[in-house]
Amino acid sequence: TNSPPVPSAEDLDHFRADPLRALPRLFEPYGDPFCVPSQAGPMILTADPATCEQIMKRHLDRGPLHRRTEPAQGPGITIQSGEEWRRTRAMISPLFTHRHLKALSDLVAEGASRAIDRLSAYAGTGETVDLMAFMPSVTMGVLMHAMFSDSLRPGEMEAMIADYAHISRWKGGLIRTAFQPPGAPV
């Protein structure tokens, strides 16, 4: 089979500087999939739903990018491959049935309703609301309730959000280093 095309050096620089913004623009000239040389080895990128479905269902190998982020996220299902992944996927699949997802969507709707009520208290006051601080508490509250049928006290919520933000920045940094060209210092 033919290897997927590799973008020009200029396009790769744009991709490495801002992958999420550059990615959609790269599929047009290079097609789907295309290849990005990286510290982690060649990475094949696709947005084709059928290919994504095949990867998610058959899960041949997550690849070097996912393994690179293991220090920040642990050896969970996003890192696992082969039989270990199949066992974990079979174990959690019942959580993604229509019944469970309906219950989860109800929790999200309740959390959104509570958030609207909290924000409504500011209406007409002229007070500024920091949505960058507000929204993570809404999201984390729904997640905690969905995962543990419990909620956190306000101080615990801020600590969990700060910890999650720290881990997310670490993981993002690990991912960004992987996109650097082979041999580049990271």
N, C-alpha and C. Protein backbone atom coordinates (compact mmCIF):
# COMPACT_ATOMS: atom_id res chain seq x y z
N THR A 1 0.83 -1.19 0.00
CA THR A 1 0.00 0.00 0.00
C THR A 1 0.87 1.25 0.00
N ASN A 2 0.31 2.35 -0.49
CA ASN A 2 1.03 3.61 -0.50
C ASN A 2 1.01 4.26 0.88
N SER A 3 2.11 4.93 1.20
CA SER A 3 2.15 5.66 2.46
C SER A 3 1.35 6.95 2.33
N PRO A 4 0.69 7.37 3.38
CA PRO A 4 -0.04 8.64 3.32
C PRO A 4 0.93 9.80 3.09
N PRO A 5 0.45 10.87 2.46
CA PRO A 5 1.34 12.01 2.19
C PRO A 5 1.77 12.71 3.48
N VAL A 6 2.91 13.36 3.40
CA VAL A 6 3.44 14.15 4.51
C VAL A 6 3.30 15.62 4.13
N PRO A 7 2.72 16.45 4.98
CA PRO A 7 2.59 17.88 4.67
C PRO A 7 3.94 18.56 4.48
N SER A 8 3.91 19.71 3.83
CA SER A 8 5.12 20.51 3.63
C SER A 8 5.69 20.94 4.97
N ALA A 9 6.95 21.34 4.97
CA ALA A 9 7.60 21.80 6.20
C ALA A 9 6.84 22.98 6.80
N GLU A 10 6.37 23.88 5.98
CA GLU A 10 5.62 25.04 6.48
C GLU A 10 4.30 24.59 7.13
N ASP A 11 3.59 23.68 6.47
CA ASP A 11 2.34 23.18 7.05
C ASP A 11 2.59 22.40 8.33
N LEU A 12 3.70 21.64 8.39
CA LEU A 12 4.03 20.92 9.62
C LEU A 12 4.35 21.89 10.75
N ASP A 13 5.02 23.01 10.43
CA ASP A 13 5.29 24.02 11.45
C ASP A 13 3.99 24.59 12.00
N HIS A 14 3.02 24.87 11.12
CA HIS A 14 1.72 25.38 11.56
C HIS A 14 1.02 24.32 12.43
N PHE A 15 1.09 23.07 12.01
CA PHE A 15 0.47 21.99 12.76
C PHE A 15 1.09 21.88 14.16
N ARG A 16 2.42 21.93 14.22
CA ARG A 16 3.10 21.78 15.50
C ARG A 16 2.82 22.96 16.44
N ALA A 17 2.63 24.14 15.86
CA ALA A 17 2.36 25.33 16.68
C ALA A 17 0.94 25.32 17.23
N ASP A 18 -0.02 24.82 16.45
CA ASP A 18 -1.43 24.85 16.87
C ASP A 18 -2.17 23.69 16.20
N PRO A 19 -1.97 22.46 16.72
CA PRO A 19 -2.51 21.28 16.04
C PRO A 19 -4.02 21.31 15.82
N LEU A 20 -4.79 21.73 16.80
CA LEU A 20 -6.24 21.67 16.65
C LEU A 20 -6.75 22.64 15.59
N ARG A 21 -6.12 23.78 15.45
CA ARG A 21 -6.54 24.74 14.44
C ARG A 21 -6.05 24.32 13.05
N ALA A 22 -4.85 23.75 12.98
CA ALA A 22 -4.26 23.40 11.69
C ALA A 22 -4.83 22.11 11.10
N LEU A 23 -5.20 21.18 11.96
CA LEU A 23 -5.61 19.85 11.49
C LEU A 23 -6.70 19.88 10.43
N PRO A 24 -7.82 20.57 10.63
CA PRO A 24 -8.86 20.54 9.59
C PRO A 24 -8.39 21.11 8.26
N ARG A 25 -7.52 22.09 8.31
CA ARG A 25 -7.03 22.70 7.06
C ARG A 25 -6.06 21.78 6.32
N LEU A 26 -5.45 20.83 7.00
CA LEU A 26 -4.48 19.95 6.35
C LEU A 26 -5.13 18.81 5.58
N PHE A 27 -6.33 18.43 5.97
CA PHE A 27 -7.00 17.34 5.24
C PHE A 27 -7.32 17.73 3.81
N GLU A 28 -7.61 18.99 3.57
CA GLU A 28 -7.98 19.42 2.22
C GLU A 28 -6.86 19.19 1.20
N PRO A 29 -5.65 19.73 1.44
CA PRO A 29 -4.61 19.52 0.42
C PRO A 29 -3.95 18.15 0.44
N TYR A 30 -3.93 17.49 1.62
CA TYR A 30 -3.18 16.24 1.73
C TYR A 30 -4.05 14.99 1.76
N GLY A 31 -5.34 15.17 1.92
CA GLY A 31 -6.24 14.03 1.95
C GLY A 31 -6.33 13.42 3.34
N ASP A 32 -7.08 12.35 3.42
CA ASP A 32 -7.31 11.66 4.67
C ASP A 32 -7.08 10.18 4.42
N PRO A 33 -6.06 9.61 5.06
CA PRO A 33 -5.20 10.13 6.10
C PRO A 33 -3.96 10.83 5.54
N PHE A 34 -3.23 11.51 6.44
CA PHE A 34 -1.90 12.00 6.11
C PHE A 34 -0.98 11.67 7.27
N CYS A 35 0.32 11.85 7.05
CA CYS A 35 1.33 11.41 8.01
C CYS A 35 2.10 12.60 8.57
N VAL A 36 2.36 12.58 9.87
CA VAL A 36 3.18 13.61 10.51
C VAL A 36 4.40 12.93 11.13
N PRO A 37 5.60 13.25 10.64
CA PRO A 37 6.80 12.73 11.29
C PRO A 37 6.91 13.34 12.69
N SER A 38 7.30 12.54 13.67
CA SER A 38 7.32 13.06 15.04
C SER A 38 8.37 12.35 15.88
N GLN A 39 8.57 12.88 17.10
CA GLN A 39 9.48 12.26 18.07
C GLN A 39 9.04 10.84 18.37
N ALA A 40 7.74 10.59 18.32
CA ALA A 40 7.19 9.29 18.68
C ALA A 40 7.14 8.34 17.49
N GLY A 41 7.66 8.76 16.34
CA GLY A 41 7.59 7.98 15.12
C GLY A 41 6.52 8.55 14.21
N PRO A 42 6.37 8.01 13.01
CA PRO A 42 5.36 8.55 12.09
C PRO A 42 3.96 8.38 12.67
N MET A 43 3.18 9.46 12.66
CA MET A 43 1.81 9.41 13.13
C MET A 43 0.88 9.60 11.95
N ILE A 44 -0.04 8.67 11.79
CA ILE A 44 -1.04 8.75 10.74
C ILE A 44 -2.28 9.41 11.35
N LEU A 45 -2.73 10.50 10.73
CA LEU A 45 -3.90 11.22 11.23
C LEU A 45 -5.07 11.03 10.28
N THR A 46 -6.24 10.77 10.86
CA THR A 46 -7.45 10.58 10.06
C THR A 46 -8.63 11.25 10.75
N ALA A 47 -9.59 11.64 9.94
CA ALA A 47 -10.86 12.16 10.46
C ALA A 47 -12.01 11.38 9.85
N ASP A 48 -11.69 10.32 9.13
CA ASP A 48 -12.71 9.52 8.47
C ASP A 48 -13.48 8.71 9.51
N PRO A 49 -14.80 8.91 9.60
CA PRO A 49 -15.58 8.20 10.63
C PRO A 49 -15.45 6.68 10.56
N ALA A 50 -15.43 6.12 9.36
CA ALA A 50 -15.33 4.66 9.24
C ALA A 50 -13.98 4.16 9.77
N THR A 51 -12.91 4.89 9.46
CA THR A 51 -11.59 4.51 9.95
C THR A 51 -11.53 4.66 11.46
N CYS A 52 -12.07 5.76 11.98
CA CYS A 52 -12.09 5.97 13.43
C CYS A 52 -12.86 4.86 14.13
N GLU A 53 -14.00 4.49 13.56
CA GLU A 53 -14.81 3.42 14.16
C GLU A 53 -14.03 2.11 14.17
N GLN A 54 -13.36 1.83 13.07
CA GLN A 54 -12.58 0.59 13.00
C GLN A 54 -11.48 0.59 14.06
N ILE A 55 -10.80 1.71 14.23
CA ILE A 55 -9.74 1.80 15.23
C ILE A 55 -10.33 1.64 16.63
N MET A 56 -11.44 2.31 16.90
CA MET A 56 -12.03 2.26 18.24
C MET A 56 -12.60 0.88 18.57
N LYS A 57 -13.13 0.18 17.57
CA LYS A 57 -13.73 -1.13 17.83
C LYS A 57 -12.70 -2.25 17.82
N ARG A 58 -11.81 -2.23 16.87
CA ARG A 58 -10.83 -3.32 16.78
C ARG A 58 -9.60 -3.04 17.60
N HIS A 59 -9.24 -1.78 17.69
CA HIS A 59 -8.16 -1.31 18.54
C HIS A 59 -6.88 -2.12 18.38
N LEU A 60 -6.28 -2.02 17.23
CA LEU A 60 -5.07 -2.77 16.99
C LEU A 60 -3.92 -2.29 17.88
N ASP A 61 -3.72 -0.98 17.96
CA ASP A 61 -2.67 -0.41 18.79
C ASP A 61 -2.91 1.09 18.90
N ARG A 62 -2.85 1.61 20.09
CA ARG A 62 -3.07 3.05 20.29
C ARG A 62 -1.94 3.86 19.68
N GLY A 63 -0.76 3.31 19.65
CA GLY A 63 0.35 4.01 19.04
C GLY A 63 1.19 4.79 20.03
N PRO A 64 2.28 5.32 19.51
CA PRO A 64 3.27 5.95 20.38
C PRO A 64 2.79 7.23 21.06
N LEU A 65 1.90 7.97 20.44
CA LEU A 65 1.43 9.22 21.06
C LEU A 65 0.70 8.94 22.36
N HIS A 66 -0.16 7.94 22.35
CA HIS A 66 -0.90 7.61 23.57
C HIS A 66 0.03 7.05 24.64
N ARG A 67 0.98 6.22 24.25
CA ARG A 67 1.92 5.68 25.23
C ARG A 67 2.76 6.79 25.84
N ARG A 68 3.04 7.83 25.05
CA ARG A 68 3.83 8.95 25.54
C ARG A 68 3.13 9.67 26.69
N THR A 69 1.81 9.67 26.69
CA THR A 69 1.06 10.40 27.73
C THR A 69 0.80 9.55 28.97
N GLU A 70 1.24 8.31 28.98
CA GLU A 70 0.97 7.44 30.12
C GLU A 70 1.43 8.03 31.45
N PRO A 71 2.60 8.70 31.54
CA PRO A 71 2.98 9.26 32.85
C PRO A 71 1.94 10.22 33.42
N ALA A 72 1.19 10.90 32.57
CA ALA A 72 0.20 11.87 33.05
C ALA A 72 -1.17 11.27 33.29
N GLN A 73 -1.47 10.12 32.68
CA GLN A 73 -2.82 9.59 32.83
C GLN A 73 -2.89 8.16 33.32
N GLY A 74 -1.76 7.51 33.46
CA GLY A 74 -1.78 6.15 33.96
C GLY A 74 -2.09 5.15 32.85
N PRO A 75 -2.03 3.87 33.17
CA PRO A 75 -2.16 2.82 32.16
C PRO A 75 -3.62 2.43 31.88
N GLY A 76 -4.51 3.39 31.75
CA GLY A 76 -5.93 3.11 31.53
C GLY A 76 -6.25 2.69 30.11
N ILE A 77 -7.53 2.67 29.81
CA ILE A 77 -8.01 2.16 28.53
C ILE A 77 -7.48 2.96 27.34
N THR A 78 -7.18 4.24 27.54
CA THR A 78 -6.68 5.03 26.40
C THR A 78 -5.25 4.66 26.04
N ILE A 79 -4.56 3.93 26.90
CA ILE A 79 -3.19 3.50 26.65
C ILE A 79 -3.13 2.03 26.26
N GLN A 80 -4.05 1.25 26.77
CA GLN A 80 -3.99 -0.20 26.60
C GLN A 80 -4.11 -0.62 25.14
N SER A 81 -3.58 -1.81 24.86
CA SER A 81 -3.66 -2.40 23.54
C SER A 81 -3.99 -3.88 23.67
N GLY A 82 -4.39 -4.46 22.55
CA GLY A 82 -4.58 -5.90 22.47
C GLY A 82 -5.60 -6.45 23.44
N GLU A 83 -5.26 -7.59 24.02
CA GLU A 83 -6.19 -8.32 24.89
C GLU A 83 -6.54 -7.53 26.15
N GLU A 84 -5.56 -6.83 26.70
CA GLU A 84 -5.82 -6.01 27.88
C GLU A 84 -6.90 -4.96 27.57
N TRP A 85 -6.80 -4.31 26.41
CA TRP A 85 -7.80 -3.33 26.00
C TRP A 85 -9.17 -3.99 25.80
N ARG A 86 -9.19 -5.14 25.15
CA ARG A 86 -10.46 -5.84 24.90
C ARG A 86 -11.17 -6.19 26.21
N ARG A 87 -10.42 -6.66 27.22
CA ARG A 87 -11.00 -6.98 28.53
C ARG A 87 -11.59 -5.73 29.19
N THR A 88 -10.82 -4.65 29.18
CA THR A 88 -11.29 -3.41 29.81
C THR A 88 -12.51 -2.87 29.07
N ARG A 89 -12.47 -2.90 27.75
CA ARG A 89 -13.59 -2.40 26.95
C ARG A 89 -14.85 -3.22 27.23
N ALA A 90 -14.71 -4.54 27.32
CA ALA A 90 -15.86 -5.40 27.61
C ALA A 90 -16.42 -5.08 29.00
N MET A 91 -15.55 -4.77 29.93
CA MET A 91 -15.98 -4.48 31.30
C MET A 91 -16.76 -3.16 31.37
N ILE A 92 -16.33 -2.14 30.60
CA ILE A 92 -17.01 -0.85 30.71
C ILE A 92 -18.12 -0.65 29.69
N SER A 93 -18.21 -1.51 28.69
CA SER A 93 -19.24 -1.36 27.66
C SER A 93 -20.66 -1.25 28.21
N PRO A 94 -21.03 -2.01 29.24
CA PRO A 94 -22.40 -1.87 29.77
C PRO A 94 -22.72 -0.45 30.25
N LEU A 95 -21.70 0.31 30.60
CA LEU A 95 -21.94 1.68 31.05
C LEU A 95 -22.36 2.61 29.91
N PHE A 96 -22.23 2.14 28.67
CA PHE A 96 -22.54 2.98 27.52
C PHE A 96 -23.80 2.51 26.79
N THR A 97 -24.65 1.78 27.51
CA THR A 97 -25.92 1.39 26.92
C THR A 97 -26.86 2.59 26.91
N HIS A 98 -27.94 2.49 26.15
CA HIS A 98 -28.90 3.59 26.04
C HIS A 98 -29.43 3.98 27.43
N ARG A 99 -29.73 3.00 28.26
CA ARG A 99 -30.27 3.27 29.59
C ARG A 99 -29.29 4.08 30.44
N HIS A 100 -28.03 3.67 30.44
CA HIS A 100 -27.03 4.38 31.24
C HIS A 100 -26.76 5.78 30.67
N LEU A 101 -26.70 5.89 29.35
CA LEU A 101 -26.45 7.20 28.76
C LEU A 101 -27.62 8.14 28.98
N LYS A 102 -28.84 7.61 29.01
CA LYS A 102 -30.02 8.44 29.31
C LYS A 102 -29.92 8.98 30.73
N ALA A 103 -29.55 8.11 31.67
CA ALA A 103 -29.39 8.56 33.07
C ALA A 103 -28.29 9.61 33.16
N LEU A 104 -27.22 9.42 32.42
CA LEU A 104 -26.13 10.40 32.42
C LEU A 104 -26.59 11.73 31.82
N SER A 105 -27.36 11.66 30.74
CA SER A 105 -27.85 12.91 30.14
C SER A 105 -28.78 13.64 31.10
N ASP A 106 -29.54 12.89 31.90
CA ASP A 106 -30.39 13.52 32.91
C ASP A 106 -29.54 14.24 33.96
N LEU A 107 -28.42 13.61 34.37
CA LEU A 107 -27.52 14.26 35.33
C LEU A 107 -26.91 15.54 34.75
N VAL A 108 -26.54 15.49 33.48
CA VAL A 108 -25.98 16.67 32.82
C VAL A 108 -27.03 17.78 32.77
N ALA A 109 -28.27 17.42 32.43
CA ALA A 109 -29.35 18.41 32.37
C ALA A 109 -29.60 19.02 33.75
N GLU A 110 -29.58 18.19 34.80
CA GLU A 110 -29.75 18.71 36.16
C GLU A 110 -28.62 19.66 36.52
N GLY A 111 -27.40 19.28 36.20
CA GLY A 111 -26.24 20.14 36.49
C GLY A 111 -26.33 21.46 35.74
N ALA A 112 -26.77 21.41 34.48
CA ALA A 112 -26.93 22.64 33.70
C ALA A 112 -28.01 23.52 34.30
N SER A 113 -29.09 22.91 34.75
CA SER A 113 -30.18 23.67 35.36
C SER A 113 -29.71 24.36 36.65
N ARG A 114 -28.95 23.61 37.48
CA ARG A 114 -28.41 24.21 38.71
C ARG A 114 -27.45 25.36 38.37
N ALA A 115 -26.65 25.18 37.31
CA ALA A 115 -25.71 26.23 36.91
C ALA A 115 -26.46 27.48 36.46
N ILE A 116 -27.53 27.28 35.71
CA ILE A 116 -28.34 28.43 35.26
C ILE A 116 -28.94 29.14 36.47
N ASP A 117 -29.42 28.38 37.44
CA ASP A 117 -29.96 28.99 38.66
C ASP A 117 -28.89 29.80 39.38
N ARG A 118 -27.69 29.24 39.48
CA ARG A 118 -26.60 29.97 40.15
C ARG A 118 -26.24 31.24 39.39
N LEU A 119 -26.19 31.14 38.06
CA LEU A 119 -25.87 32.34 37.26
C LEU A 119 -26.99 33.37 37.31
N SER A 120 -28.23 32.91 37.41
CA SER A 120 -29.37 33.83 37.46
C SER A 120 -29.28 34.78 38.64
N ALA A 121 -28.65 34.34 39.70
CA ALA A 121 -28.50 35.19 40.88
C ALA A 121 -27.69 36.44 40.56
N TYR A 122 -26.87 36.40 39.53
CA TYR A 122 -26.04 37.54 39.14
C TYR A 122 -26.76 38.49 38.18
N ALA A 123 -27.87 38.04 37.60
CA ALA A 123 -28.57 38.85 36.60
C ALA A 123 -28.98 40.19 37.20
N GLY A 124 -28.69 41.23 36.49
CA GLY A 124 -29.09 42.57 36.90
C GLY A 124 -28.25 43.17 38.01
N THR A 125 -27.24 42.45 38.51
CA THR A 125 -26.42 42.98 39.60
C THR A 125 -25.25 43.82 39.10
N GLY A 126 -24.90 43.65 37.84
CA GLY A 126 -23.73 44.34 37.31
C GLY A 126 -22.42 43.68 37.71
N GLU A 127 -22.51 42.60 38.48
CA GLU A 127 -21.32 41.89 38.94
C GLU A 127 -20.77 41.02 37.82
N THR A 128 -19.45 40.95 37.71
CA THR A 128 -18.80 40.14 36.69
C THR A 128 -18.72 38.69 37.17
N VAL A 129 -19.00 37.76 36.26
CA VAL A 129 -18.89 36.34 36.56
C VAL A 129 -17.75 35.78 35.73
N ASP A 130 -16.80 35.14 36.39
CA ASP A 130 -15.67 34.52 35.71
C ASP A 130 -16.09 33.12 35.24
N LEU A 131 -16.52 33.04 33.97
CA LEU A 131 -16.99 31.76 33.46
C LEU A 131 -15.87 30.73 33.33
N MET A 132 -14.63 31.18 33.16
CA MET A 132 -13.50 30.24 33.09
C MET A 132 -13.31 29.53 34.43
N ALA A 133 -13.70 30.14 35.51
CA ALA A 133 -13.65 29.50 36.83
C ALA A 133 -14.96 28.77 37.13
N PHE A 134 -16.06 29.30 36.65
CA PHE A 134 -17.38 28.75 36.95
C PHE A 134 -17.63 27.41 36.25
N MET A 135 -17.33 27.34 34.96
CA MET A 135 -17.69 26.16 34.17
C MET A 135 -17.00 24.87 34.62
N PRO A 136 -15.70 24.90 34.99
CA PRO A 136 -15.11 23.65 35.49
C PRO A 136 -15.82 23.11 36.74
N SER A 137 -16.31 24.00 37.60
CA SER A 137 -17.01 23.51 38.79
C SER A 137 -18.33 22.84 38.40
N VAL A 138 -18.99 23.36 37.37
CA VAL A 138 -20.22 22.72 36.88
C VAL A 138 -19.90 21.34 36.32
N THR A 139 -18.89 21.28 35.46
CA THR A 139 -18.50 20.01 34.83
C THR A 139 -18.04 19.00 35.87
N MET A 140 -17.17 19.42 36.78
CA MET A 140 -16.66 18.49 37.78
C MET A 140 -17.78 18.02 38.71
N GLY A 141 -18.72 18.89 39.03
CA GLY A 141 -19.84 18.49 39.87
C GLY A 141 -20.67 17.38 39.22
N VAL A 142 -20.94 17.54 37.93
CA VAL A 142 -21.70 16.51 37.21
C VAL A 142 -20.89 15.22 37.13
N LEU A 143 -19.60 15.32 36.83
CA LEU A 143 -18.76 14.12 36.75
C LEU A 143 -18.71 13.37 38.07
N MET A 144 -18.51 14.10 39.16
CA MET A 144 -18.43 13.45 40.47
C MET A 144 -19.75 12.73 40.79
N HIS A 145 -20.85 13.39 40.51
CA HIS A 145 -22.14 12.76 40.79
C HIS A 145 -22.36 11.54 39.89
N ALA A 146 -21.98 11.65 38.62
CA ALA A 146 -22.17 10.54 37.68
C ALA A 146 -21.28 9.36 38.03
N MET A 147 -20.04 9.63 38.41
CA MET A 147 -19.10 8.55 38.65
C MET A 147 -19.21 7.96 40.05
N PHE A 148 -19.53 8.80 41.06
CA PHE A 148 -19.48 8.34 42.43
C PHE A 148 -20.78 8.55 43.20
N SER A 149 -21.83 9.02 42.50
CA SER A 149 -23.12 9.32 43.14
C SER A 149 -22.92 10.20 44.37
N ASP A 150 -22.04 11.14 44.27
CA ASP A 150 -21.71 12.00 45.40
C ASP A 150 -21.32 13.36 44.87
N SER A 151 -21.20 14.30 45.76
CA SER A 151 -20.74 15.62 45.37
C SER A 151 -19.62 16.04 46.31
N LEU A 152 -18.90 17.05 45.91
CA LEU A 152 -17.79 17.55 46.71
C LEU A 152 -18.17 18.86 47.38
N ARG A 153 -17.57 19.10 48.51
CA ARG A 153 -17.74 20.40 49.15
C ARG A 153 -16.95 21.42 48.35
N PRO A 154 -17.30 22.71 48.44
CA PRO A 154 -16.63 23.73 47.62
C PRO A 154 -15.11 23.70 47.67
N GLY A 155 -14.48 23.59 48.82
CA GLY A 155 -13.02 23.55 48.90
C GLY A 155 -12.44 22.34 48.20
N GLU A 156 -13.11 21.21 48.33
CA GLU A 156 -12.67 19.99 47.66
C GLU A 156 -12.79 20.14 46.14
N MET A 157 -13.86 20.81 45.71
CA MET A 157 -14.09 21.00 44.27
C MET A 157 -12.94 21.82 43.66
N GLU A 158 -12.57 22.92 44.31
CA GLU A 158 -11.48 23.76 43.78
C GLU A 158 -10.18 22.98 43.70
N ALA A 159 -9.90 22.17 44.73
CA ALA A 159 -8.67 21.37 44.73
C ALA A 159 -8.68 20.35 43.60
N MET A 160 -9.82 19.69 43.38
CA MET A 160 -9.91 18.70 42.30
C MET A 160 -9.75 19.37 40.94
N ILE A 161 -10.38 20.52 40.76
CA ILE A 161 -10.26 21.25 39.49
C ILE A 161 -8.82 21.66 39.25
N ALA A 162 -8.15 22.16 40.28
CA ALA A 162 -6.74 22.55 40.14
C ALA A 162 -5.87 21.35 39.78
N ASP A 163 -6.11 20.21 40.45
CA ASP A 163 -5.35 19.00 40.15
C ASP A 163 -5.59 18.55 38.71
N TYR A 164 -6.85 18.56 38.28
CA TYR A 164 -7.17 18.14 36.92
C TYR A 164 -6.52 19.08 35.91
N ALA A 165 -6.56 20.39 36.17
CA ALA A 165 -5.93 21.36 35.26
C ALA A 165 -4.43 21.11 35.16
N HIS A 166 -3.80 20.81 36.29
CA HIS A 166 -2.36 20.53 36.30
C HIS A 166 -2.04 19.29 35.45
N ILE A 167 -2.79 18.23 35.67
CA ILE A 167 -2.56 16.99 34.92
C ILE A 167 -2.84 17.22 33.43
N SER A 168 -3.87 17.99 33.11
CA SER A 168 -4.19 18.27 31.71
C SER A 168 -3.08 19.05 31.03
N ARG A 169 -2.50 20.03 31.73
CA ARG A 169 -1.38 20.78 31.14
C ARG A 169 -0.18 19.87 30.93
N TRP A 170 0.09 18.98 31.90
CA TRP A 170 1.20 18.04 31.79
C TRP A 170 0.99 17.13 30.58
N LYS A 171 -0.22 16.56 30.48
CA LYS A 171 -0.53 15.67 29.36
C LYS A 171 -0.42 16.43 28.04
N GLY A 172 -0.95 17.65 28.00
CA GLY A 172 -0.85 18.46 26.78
C GLY A 172 0.59 18.73 26.39
N GLY A 173 1.43 18.99 27.38
CA GLY A 173 2.85 19.20 27.10
C GLY A 173 3.51 17.96 26.55
N LEU A 174 3.18 16.80 27.13
CA LEU A 174 3.73 15.54 26.63
C LEU A 174 3.30 15.30 25.19
N ILE A 175 2.05 15.59 24.88
CA ILE A 175 1.56 15.40 23.51
C ILE A 175 2.27 16.35 22.57
N ARG A 176 2.40 17.63 22.97
CA ARG A 176 3.03 18.61 22.08
C ARG A 176 4.47 18.25 21.80
N THR A 177 5.21 17.68 22.77
CA THR A 177 6.59 17.30 22.50
C THR A 177 6.65 16.18 21.48
N ALA A 178 5.65 15.33 21.46
CA ALA A 178 5.64 14.21 20.51
C ALA A 178 5.54 14.70 19.07
N PHE A 179 4.88 15.85 18.86
CA PHE A 179 4.70 16.36 17.50
C PHE A 179 5.96 17.02 16.93
N GLN A 180 6.98 17.21 17.75
CA GLN A 180 8.18 17.85 17.25
C GLN A 180 8.88 16.92 16.27
N PRO A 181 9.63 17.50 15.33
CA PRO A 181 10.28 16.66 14.33
C PRO A 181 11.29 15.70 14.97
N PRO A 182 11.51 14.58 14.32
CA PRO A 182 12.50 13.64 14.85
C PRO A 182 13.83 14.34 15.06
N GLY A 183 14.44 14.10 16.21
CA GLY A 183 15.75 14.68 16.51
C GLY A 183 15.69 16.05 17.16
N ALA A 184 14.53 16.72 17.17
CA ALA A 184 14.44 18.04 17.80
C ALA A 184 14.53 17.88 19.31
N PRO A 185 15.21 18.81 19.98
CA PRO A 185 15.28 18.72 21.45
C PRO A 185 13.91 19.00 22.06
N VAL A 186 13.53 18.19 23.03
CA VAL A 186 12.25 18.40 23.73
C VAL A 186 12.48 18.39 25.22
